[in-house]
Protein backbone atom coordinates (compact mmCIF):
# COMPACT_ATOMS: atom_id res chain seq x y z
CA UNK A 1 136.73 60.72 222.91
CA UNK A 2 139.21 60.80 219.99
CA UNK A 3 142.58 59.11 220.48
CA UNK A 4 145.76 59.55 218.42
CA UNK A 5 147.79 56.47 217.55
CA UNK A 6 151.35 56.23 216.28
CA UNK A 7 150.30 53.30 214.11
CA UNK A 8 146.93 52.90 212.46
CA UNK A 9 145.54 49.48 211.56
CA UNK A 10 142.78 49.30 208.97
CA UNK A 11 139.81 47.16 209.97
CA UNK A 12 136.15 46.68 209.12
CA UNK A 13 135.04 49.03 211.88
CA UNK A 14 137.00 52.08 212.97
CA UNK A 15 135.84 53.69 216.19
CA UNK A 16 137.93 56.85 215.80
CA UNK A 17 140.89 58.22 213.87
CA UNK A 18 142.97 61.36 214.09
CA UNK A 19 145.35 62.49 211.37
CA UNK A 20 147.25 65.61 210.33
CA UNK A 21 147.07 66.99 206.81
CA UNK A 22 148.57 70.24 205.56
CA UNK A 23 149.21 71.43 209.08
CA UNK A 24 145.62 70.84 210.27
CA UNK A 25 144.37 68.04 212.46
CA UNK A 26 141.38 66.20 210.98
CA UNK A 27 139.31 63.98 213.23
CA UNK A 28 137.01 61.18 212.18
CA UNK A 29 134.66 59.25 214.44
CA UNK A 30 131.40 57.35 214.56
CA UNK A 31 128.64 59.31 216.21
CA UNK A 32 127.09 57.56 219.19
CA UNK A 33 123.37 56.82 218.81
CA UNK A 34 121.49 57.26 222.08
CA UNK A 35 118.07 55.61 222.50
CA UNK A 36 115.46 55.08 225.21
CA UNK A 37 114.33 51.67 223.99
CA UNK A 38 114.68 50.18 227.49
CA UNK A 39 113.01 53.08 229.33
CA UNK A 40 116.37 54.67 230.06
CA UNK A 41 118.91 56.69 228.11
CA UNK A 42 121.74 54.50 226.82
CA UNK A 43 123.87 53.80 223.77
CA UNK A 44 122.24 51.80 220.99
CA UNK A 45 125.24 49.44 221.02
CA UNK A 46 124.30 48.35 224.55
CA UNK A 47 120.64 47.59 223.75
CA UNK A 48 119.94 43.88 223.01
CA UNK A 49 116.91 44.71 220.84
CA UNK A 50 116.42 45.02 217.09
CA UNK A 51 116.10 48.82 216.89
CA UNK A 52 116.10 51.31 214.04
CA UNK A 53 116.68 54.86 215.30
CA UNK A 54 115.90 57.74 212.94
CA UNK A 55 116.90 61.20 214.09
CA UNK A 56 114.67 64.24 213.81
CA UNK A 57 117.30 65.82 211.57
CA UNK A 58 117.00 62.97 209.05
CA UNK A 59 113.20 63.14 209.19
CA UNK A 60 113.42 66.85 208.43
CA UNK A 61 116.04 66.55 205.66
CA UNK A 62 114.25 63.64 203.95
CA UNK A 63 110.85 65.39 204.18
CA UNK A 64 109.27 62.44 206.00
CA UNK A 65 105.78 63.72 206.78
CA UNK A 66 103.92 60.66 208.05
CA UNK A 67 104.32 57.20 209.55
CA UNK A 68 103.62 55.64 206.15
CA UNK A 69 106.54 57.58 204.63
CA UNK A 70 108.73 56.63 207.59
CA UNK A 71 108.13 52.94 206.92
CA UNK A 72 110.18 53.22 203.71
CA UNK A 73 113.29 53.73 205.89
CA UNK A 74 112.67 50.87 208.34
CA UNK A 75 112.92 47.16 207.45
CA UNK A 76 110.00 44.85 208.36
CA UNK A 77 107.82 47.87 209.10
CA UNK A 78 104.82 48.87 206.97
CA UNK A 79 102.22 51.56 207.65
CA UNK A 80 99.24 51.69 205.28
CA UNK A 81 96.32 54.12 205.34
CA UNK A 82 92.94 53.16 203.92
CA UNK A 83 89.68 55.15 203.94
CA UNK A 84 88.74 54.01 207.46
CA UNK A 85 91.94 53.01 209.24
CA UNK A 86 95.72 53.25 209.48
CA UNK A 87 97.35 49.85 209.96
CA UNK A 88 100.87 49.10 211.20
CA UNK A 89 102.45 45.81 210.18
CA UNK A 90 105.64 44.65 211.90
CA UNK A 91 107.22 41.39 210.80
CA UNK A 92 103.90 40.37 209.27
CA UNK A 93 101.86 41.04 212.44
CA UNK A 94 99.00 43.54 212.17
CA UNK A 95 95.29 44.06 212.83
CA UNK A 96 92.23 44.28 210.61
CA UNK A 97 90.58 47.43 209.27
CA UNK A 98 88.43 48.13 212.32
CA UNK A 99 88.46 51.54 214.00
CA UNK A 100 87.73 50.08 217.44
CA UNK A 101 90.73 47.72 217.42
CA UNK A 102 94.00 48.67 219.05
CA UNK A 103 97.20 48.15 217.11
CA UNK A 104 99.41 45.09 217.59
CA UNK A 105 102.36 47.49 217.33
CA UNK A 106 102.28 50.04 220.14
CA UNK A 107 103.07 53.68 219.39
CA UNK A 108 104.28 56.01 222.15
CA UNK A 109 104.54 59.79 221.88
CA UNK A 110 106.69 61.27 224.65
CA UNK A 111 106.00 58.16 226.71
CA UNK A 112 102.20 58.19 226.24
CA UNK A 113 100.55 55.18 224.62
CA UNK A 114 98.73 55.80 221.32
CA UNK A 115 96.90 52.59 220.51
CA UNK A 116 94.15 53.69 218.12
CA UNK A 117 94.75 53.98 214.41
CA UNK A 118 93.48 57.56 214.12
CA UNK A 119 96.16 58.73 216.53
CA UNK A 120 98.73 57.69 213.93
CA UNK A 121 97.47 60.38 211.56
CA UNK A 122 99.40 62.96 213.54
CA UNK A 123 102.16 63.96 211.13
CA UNK A 124 105.86 63.54 211.94
CA UNK A 125 107.00 67.04 212.76
CA UNK A 126 109.47 68.79 215.10
CA UNK A 127 110.86 65.54 216.50
CA UNK A 128 114.03 64.61 218.32
CA UNK A 129 114.03 60.95 217.33
CA UNK A 130 111.87 58.00 216.31
CA UNK A 131 112.85 54.52 217.50
CA UNK A 132 111.28 51.45 215.90
CA UNK A 133 111.63 48.36 218.11
CA UNK A 134 110.97 45.05 216.37
CA UNK A 135 109.70 42.04 218.26
CA UNK A 136 107.53 41.70 221.41
CA UNK A 137 108.03 44.58 223.87
CA UNK A 138 105.40 43.73 226.48
CA UNK A 139 107.74 43.70 229.50
CA UNK A 140 108.71 47.37 229.30
CA UNK A 141 105.99 48.87 227.07
CA UNK A 142 102.91 46.93 228.15
CA UNK A 143 99.96 45.67 226.15
CA UNK A 144 99.50 45.54 222.39
CA UNK A 145 103.20 45.41 221.56
CA UNK A 146 103.26 41.87 220.20
CA UNK A 147 104.71 42.97 216.88
CA UNK A 148 106.89 45.71 218.32
CA UNK A 149 106.80 49.32 219.47
CA UNK A 150 107.41 52.76 217.98
CA UNK A 151 108.88 55.28 220.43
CA UNK A 152 108.47 58.89 219.25
CA UNK A 153 110.17 61.75 221.09
CA UNK A 154 109.28 65.32 220.21
CA UNK A 155 111.93 68.03 220.19
CA UNK A 156 112.34 69.45 223.69
CA UNK A 157 113.46 72.91 224.81
CA UNK A 158 116.77 73.08 226.68
CA UNK A 159 117.09 75.02 229.89
CA UNK A 160 119.90 77.55 229.62
CA UNK A 161 119.90 77.80 225.82
CA UNK A 162 119.49 81.11 224.04
CA UNK A 163 116.62 82.06 221.81
CA UNK A 164 116.61 80.16 218.51
CA UNK A 165 114.15 79.35 215.77
CA UNK A 166 113.60 78.06 212.28
CA UNK A 167 111.22 78.79 209.42
CA UNK A 168 110.97 76.61 206.32
CA UNK A 169 108.74 76.34 203.26
CA UNK A 170 108.66 73.89 200.39
CA UNK A 171 106.57 73.27 197.30
CA UNK A 172 105.91 69.72 196.23
CA UNK A 173 104.29 67.80 193.40
CA UNK A 174 100.49 67.82 193.02
CA UNK A 175 100.42 71.50 194.04
CA UNK A 176 101.73 70.64 197.48
CA UNK A 177 102.65 73.43 199.90
CA UNK A 178 104.45 72.89 203.20
CA UNK A 179 105.25 75.47 205.89
CA UNK A 180 106.78 74.92 209.29
CA UNK A 181 108.54 76.87 212.00
CA UNK A 182 109.54 76.80 215.63
CA UNK A 183 110.93 79.09 218.29
CA UNK A 184 112.70 77.82 221.40
CA UNK A 185 114.65 79.22 224.32
CA UNK A 186 114.87 79.81 228.05
CA UNK A 187 112.38 82.16 229.66
CA UNK A 188 114.04 82.08 233.09
CA UNK A 189 116.99 80.51 234.85
CA UNK A 190 115.36 77.07 235.09
CA UNK A 191 112.44 77.19 232.60
CA UNK A 192 112.51 76.81 228.81
CA UNK A 193 109.71 76.79 226.23
CA UNK A 194 109.30 75.67 222.62
CA UNK A 195 106.50 76.45 220.17
CA UNK A 196 106.26 74.72 216.78
CA UNK A 197 103.65 74.99 214.01
CA UNK A 198 103.21 73.16 210.70
CA UNK A 199 100.71 73.50 207.85
CA UNK A 200 100.56 71.31 204.75
CA UNK A 201 98.20 71.02 201.79
CA UNK A 202 98.41 68.87 198.66
CA UNK A 203 96.07 68.03 195.79
CA UNK A 204 95.20 64.46 194.95
CA UNK A 205 97.44 62.17 192.94
CA UNK A 206 94.51 60.24 191.41
CA UNK A 207 92.71 61.73 188.41
CA UNK A 208 88.93 61.46 188.51
CA UNK A 209 87.76 61.11 184.91
CA UNK A 210 84.07 61.42 185.79
CA UNK A 211 82.99 64.78 184.36
CA UNK A 212 80.41 65.17 187.11
CA UNK A 213 82.83 64.46 189.96
CA UNK A 214 82.84 66.74 193.00
CA UNK A 215 86.65 67.02 192.77
CA UNK A 216 88.86 66.35 189.72
CA UNK A 217 91.68 64.98 191.88
CA UNK A 218 91.70 62.84 194.99
CA UNK A 219 92.55 62.65 197.73
CA UNK A 220 93.25 66.29 198.58
CA UNK A 221 94.85 66.69 202.00
CA UNK A 222 95.08 69.57 204.47
CA UNK A 223 96.98 69.10 207.71
CA UNK A 224 97.80 71.44 210.60
CA UNK A 225 99.90 70.62 213.67
CA UNK A 226 100.78 72.84 216.64
CA UNK A 227 102.92 71.77 219.60
CA UNK A 228 103.99 73.60 222.73
CA UNK A 229 106.62 72.28 225.13
CA UNK A 230 107.69 73.42 228.58
CA UNK A 231 110.78 72.21 230.43
CA UNK A 232 111.32 73.04 234.11
CA UNK A 233 114.39 72.01 236.10
CA UNK A 234 113.92 73.12 239.72
CA UNK A 235 117.14 71.34 240.71
CA UNK A 236 119.99 69.38 239.16
CA UNK A 237 118.28 66.11 240.05
CA UNK A 238 114.69 66.92 239.05
CA UNK A 239 113.16 67.77 235.68
CA UNK A 240 109.56 68.34 234.59
CA UNK A 241 108.49 68.23 230.94
CA UNK A 242 105.08 69.20 229.57
CA UNK A 243 103.98 68.64 225.96
CA UNK A 244 100.70 69.45 224.22
CA UNK A 245 100.08 68.60 220.57
CA UNK A 246 97.09 69.62 218.45
CA UNK A 247 96.51 68.09 215.03
CA UNK A 248 93.80 68.51 212.40
CA UNK A 249 93.92 66.12 209.45
CA UNK A 250 91.43 66.61 206.60
CA UNK A 251 91.25 64.46 203.49
CA UNK A 252 88.68 64.97 200.74
CA UNK A 253 88.21 62.00 198.44
CA UNK A 254 89.16 58.37 198.83
CA UNK A 255 92.77 57.20 198.84
CA UNK A 256 91.67 53.80 197.54
CA UNK A 257 90.92 52.79 193.95
CA UNK A 258 89.23 49.70 192.58
CA UNK A 259 91.86 48.61 190.03
CA UNK A 260 89.90 45.86 188.32
CA UNK A 261 86.24 44.90 188.13
CA UNK A 262 86.98 41.62 186.40
CA UNK A 263 86.51 38.14 187.84
CA UNK A 264 88.03 37.18 191.17
CA UNK A 265 90.03 33.94 191.25
CA UNK A 266 88.80 31.53 193.92
CA UNK A 267 89.78 28.06 195.11
CA UNK A 268 87.02 25.84 193.72
CA UNK A 269 88.66 22.45 194.36
CA UNK A 270 90.01 22.94 197.89
CA UNK A 271 93.64 22.36 196.90
CA UNK A 272 94.71 25.88 197.91
CA UNK A 273 95.11 27.09 194.31
CA UNK A 274 92.93 29.97 193.16
CA UNK A 275 92.22 29.15 189.55
CA UNK A 276 88.45 29.48 189.12
CA UNK A 277 87.12 32.89 187.97
CA UNK A 278 84.16 34.04 190.02
CA UNK A 279 81.98 37.14 189.67
CA UNK A 280 79.14 37.71 192.16
CA UNK A 281 75.82 38.13 190.38
CA UNK A 282 75.29 41.52 192.00
CA UNK A 283 78.68 42.75 190.80
CA UNK A 284 78.12 41.44 187.28
CA UNK A 285 74.76 43.20 187.09
CA UNK A 286 76.02 46.46 188.60
CA UNK A 287 79.13 46.79 186.46
CA UNK A 288 77.28 45.59 183.38
CA UNK A 289 74.79 48.42 183.79
CA UNK A 290 77.61 50.87 184.44
CA UNK A 291 79.42 49.76 181.30
CA UNK A 292 76.25 50.37 179.29
CA UNK A 293 75.39 53.76 180.80
CA UNK A 294 78.98 55.02 180.90
CA UNK A 295 80.99 53.76 177.90
CA UNK A 296 84.24 55.16 179.33
CA UNK A 297 83.73 53.36 182.65
CA UNK A 298 85.11 49.94 181.69
CA UNK A 299 88.41 51.12 180.11
CA UNK A 300 89.31 53.20 183.17
CA UNK A 301 88.45 50.45 185.62
CA UNK A 302 91.83 48.77 185.09
CA UNK A 303 93.92 51.96 185.41
CA UNK A 304 94.87 54.17 188.34
CA UNK A 305 92.25 56.71 187.26
CA UNK A 306 89.11 56.83 189.35
CA UNK A 307 85.62 57.15 187.94
CA UNK A 308 83.11 58.07 190.62
CA UNK A 309 81.24 61.13 191.80
CA UNK A 310 83.30 61.56 194.98
CA UNK A 311 80.18 62.05 197.11
CA UNK A 312 78.93 59.92 199.96
CA UNK A 313 75.31 59.72 201.09
CA UNK A 314 75.28 61.14 204.60
CA UNK A 315 79.03 61.81 204.35
CA UNK A 316 81.23 64.28 206.20
CA UNK A 317 79.44 67.58 206.80
CA UNK A 318 82.61 69.33 207.99
CA UNK A 319 84.26 68.92 204.57
CA UNK A 320 83.74 71.50 201.86
CA UNK A 321 80.93 71.18 199.34
CA UNK A 322 77.89 68.94 199.07
CA UNK A 323 74.21 69.59 199.56
CA UNK A 324 71.67 67.73 201.65
CA UNK A 325 72.59 64.10 202.23
CA UNK A 326 75.20 64.17 199.45
CA UNK A 327 78.53 65.21 200.98
CA UNK A 328 82.15 64.69 199.95
CA UNK A 329 83.76 61.39 200.77
CA UNK A 330 86.73 61.84 203.05
CA UNK A 331 87.73 62.28 206.67
CA UNK A 332 88.25 65.01 209.24
CA UNK A 333 90.30 63.91 212.28
CA UNK A 334 91.19 66.18 215.20
CA UNK A 335 93.72 65.01 217.82
CA UNK A 336 94.73 66.38 221.22
CA UNK A 337 97.74 64.81 222.98
CA UNK A 338 99.02 65.91 226.41
CA UNK A 339 101.92 64.49 228.42
CA UNK A 340 103.52 65.32 231.76
CA UNK A 341 106.92 63.74 232.43
CA UNK A 342 108.53 64.09 235.87
CA UNK A 343 111.95 62.60 236.57
CA UNK A 344 113.97 62.65 239.79
CA UNK A 345 117.41 61.13 240.33
CA UNK A 346 118.28 60.05 243.86
CA UNK A 347 121.72 60.28 245.40
CA UNK A 348 122.27 56.52 245.07
CA UNK A 349 121.82 56.68 241.28
CA UNK A 350 118.25 55.38 241.11
CA UNK A 351 115.77 57.34 238.99
CA UNK A 352 112.03 57.73 239.63
CA UNK A 353 109.92 58.60 236.58
CA UNK A 354 106.24 59.52 236.28
CA UNK A 355 104.49 59.81 232.89
CA UNK A 356 100.92 61.15 232.83
CA UNK A 357 99.03 61.26 229.55
CA UNK A 358 95.69 62.51 228.27
CA UNK A 359 94.70 61.66 224.71
CA UNK A 360 91.57 62.68 222.82
CA UNK A 361 90.42 62.59 219.23
CA UNK A 362 87.29 63.07 217.20
CA UNK A 363 86.76 62.12 213.59
CA UNK A 364 84.04 62.24 210.96
CA UNK A 365 84.19 59.99 207.92
CA UNK A 366 82.23 59.92 204.71
CA UNK A 367 82.83 56.77 202.69
CA UNK A 368 81.67 56.25 199.12
CA UNK A 369 81.02 52.55 199.48
CA UNK A 370 79.93 51.90 195.89
CA UNK A 371 82.90 53.47 194.00
CA UNK A 372 80.48 54.42 191.23
CA UNK A 373 79.81 57.69 189.36
CA UNK A 374 76.31 57.90 190.81
CA UNK A 375 74.65 57.95 194.21
CA UNK A 376 73.99 54.42 195.40
CA UNK A 377 75.59 53.38 198.72
CA UNK A 378 77.27 55.64 201.28
CA UNK A 379 78.52 55.35 204.84
CA UNK A 380 78.97 57.95 207.56
CA UNK A 381 81.02 57.45 210.76
CA UNK A 382 81.27 59.79 213.75
CA UNK A 383 83.59 58.84 216.60
CA UNK A 384 84.96 60.26 219.85
CA UNK A 385 87.84 58.83 221.90
CA UNK A 386 89.17 59.68 225.37
CA UNK A 387 92.12 58.13 227.18
CA UNK A 388 93.93 58.69 230.47
CA UNK A 389 97.19 56.92 231.30
CA UNK A 390 99.61 56.92 234.20
CA UNK A 391 102.99 55.20 234.38
CA UNK A 392 105.41 55.12 237.32
CA UNK A 393 108.76 53.35 237.25
CA UNK A 394 111.95 53.15 239.28
CA UNK A 395 115.23 52.35 237.52
CA UNK A 396 118.61 51.43 238.93
CA UNK A 397 121.96 52.92 238.01
CA UNK A 398 123.50 51.45 234.86
CA UNK A 399 126.99 51.41 236.40
CA UNK A 400 126.25 48.61 238.85
CA UNK A 401 126.76 44.88 238.35
CA UNK A 402 123.02 44.45 237.84
CA UNK A 403 120.55 46.91 236.36
CA UNK A 404 116.79 46.73 236.75
CA UNK A 405 113.54 48.60 236.11
CA UNK A 406 110.33 48.16 238.10
CA UNK A 407 107.05 50.00 237.64
CA UNK A 408 103.39 49.94 236.73
CA UNK A 409 101.11 51.38 234.08
CA UNK A 410 97.39 52.25 234.10
CA UNK A 411 95.34 53.03 230.97
CA UNK A 412 91.63 53.83 230.80
CA UNK A 413 90.01 54.63 227.46
CA UNK A 414 86.53 54.92 225.97
CA UNK A 415 85.44 55.16 222.36
CA UNK A 416 82.07 55.84 220.79
CA UNK A 417 81.34 55.18 217.12
CA UNK A 418 78.08 56.18 215.43
CA UNK A 419 77.70 54.62 211.99
CA UNK A 420 74.98 54.87 209.40
CA UNK A 421 74.83 53.22 205.99
CA UNK A 422 72.48 54.73 203.44
CA UNK A 423 71.31 53.44 200.09
CA UNK A 424 69.78 55.59 197.37
CA UNK A 425 67.63 53.32 195.25
CA UNK A 426 67.01 56.11 192.73
CA UNK A 427 70.70 56.42 191.75
CA UNK A 428 70.60 60.15 192.34
CA UNK A 429 67.16 60.77 190.82
CA UNK A 430 64.85 60.95 193.87
CA UNK A 431 62.29 63.25 192.29
CA UNK A 432 61.61 60.90 189.39
CA UNK A 433 61.15 57.79 191.53
CA UNK A 434 59.04 59.51 194.15
CA UNK A 435 56.77 60.97 191.49
CA UNK A 436 56.30 57.55 189.88
CA UNK A 437 55.87 55.25 192.88
CA UNK A 438 55.50 57.59 195.86
CA UNK A 439 58.26 55.88 197.87
CA UNK A 440 61.10 57.52 199.79
CA UNK A 441 64.31 57.60 197.80
CA UNK A 442 66.87 57.01 200.55
CA UNK A 443 66.93 54.17 203.07
CA UNK A 444 69.11 54.12 206.17
CA UNK A 445 70.33 50.89 207.74
CA UNK A 446 71.69 50.14 211.20
CA UNK A 447 74.70 47.79 211.59
CA UNK A 448 72.38 44.96 212.67
CA UNK A 449 70.34 45.33 209.47
CA UNK A 450 73.43 45.28 207.29
CA UNK A 451 74.20 41.58 207.78
CA UNK A 452 74.59 40.13 204.32
CA UNK A 453 73.80 43.34 202.43
CA UNK A 454 77.37 44.61 202.03
CA UNK A 455 78.68 41.15 201.19
CA UNK A 456 76.08 40.71 198.46
CA UNK A 457 77.60 43.68 196.65
CA UNK A 458 81.15 42.51 197.15
CA UNK A 459 81.85 45.26 199.71
CA UNK A 460 83.87 44.87 202.92
CA UNK A 461 81.76 44.36 206.02
């Protein structure tokens, strides 16, 4: 509400101001920020939590496409994507690069828990608001929220609104193309629907200087998201919301470079100071051979250019290109997210809420584990994930002397990961080696057989 005062006092914070200029009344005021950080709708000023709330309008205007881009707008919040995982760090708390680990910062989409890193590769699109809560949130949000929680709310249709829509297109650097659109409106007196679609493609920002590379730029990205929402209000006190989101994220090429193949500084005296250069014998031999066979290899090793073939032995078959066991390095991740939110307000002001969620994803990864311009070591991962969750809570009215929330949450999830690591001892020349020694050219190793092999080549386990 805007109030008019006969006298105006200047201060550091002005809640509202009304003035008349040239016969017109001009009103100024601070817009109230409404959040659901405490499992109920309330003003941000009344929430005793460190919260950063970013509206869907700002996300749209600033062209924030992903969680990693969102982290640039939130203090103490970092989201990094590597070839195998997406890791959230909040106030220095995070997890390792393991696909089976759940995050230490919980992410919730329309109230449904998204704990696995691959679920974070759903792009930020057609949203109402994103709330980043810093600090432990286990009381209201449950497990795996030691570092904090990210509460994402998709844009919802409004019962009673007329038909509306939006179509937008943009062209970005690295031959990027972005298209999105939505249509929303009421289909009956108490039912509204919303349909939104997004498609994005962009070439890689890293130049591959290997003339025999599968792709001259990496990583190239193609992303498609579709979301449908249904809102039903059978009475003034009851509302039912249904959301389904489909996402397909495809990346060809690695988004990681090896910036320097020089010595690694290690602590040789135990005083905590890394001052002793160390090069594993296997690395010295490998990169010495590469420097001899490829004269341009060493100069580019210390730049942001990449110098490898871009193929992974046994890599991702669903990505374009590649023959036989040699397939492009990259990832193909498909997500399905479903939520059912039912809310009923009783006559005494208490509110009963039920949130049912079904989450599924499947991904295929091809990882070029050697980062070399020839076929040597490759890794292939296939994974499927299924999750069902159910939350029920009862909240009191905020107008009373005391306010409270009581409820329970159930989550059941399963994940399967099939991994194979393959080594080509012929460096891409199987016919020559087999003709000379009569041995197979490609060996496949199980995880149990890999103990010590990856470490001997300076590769992550």
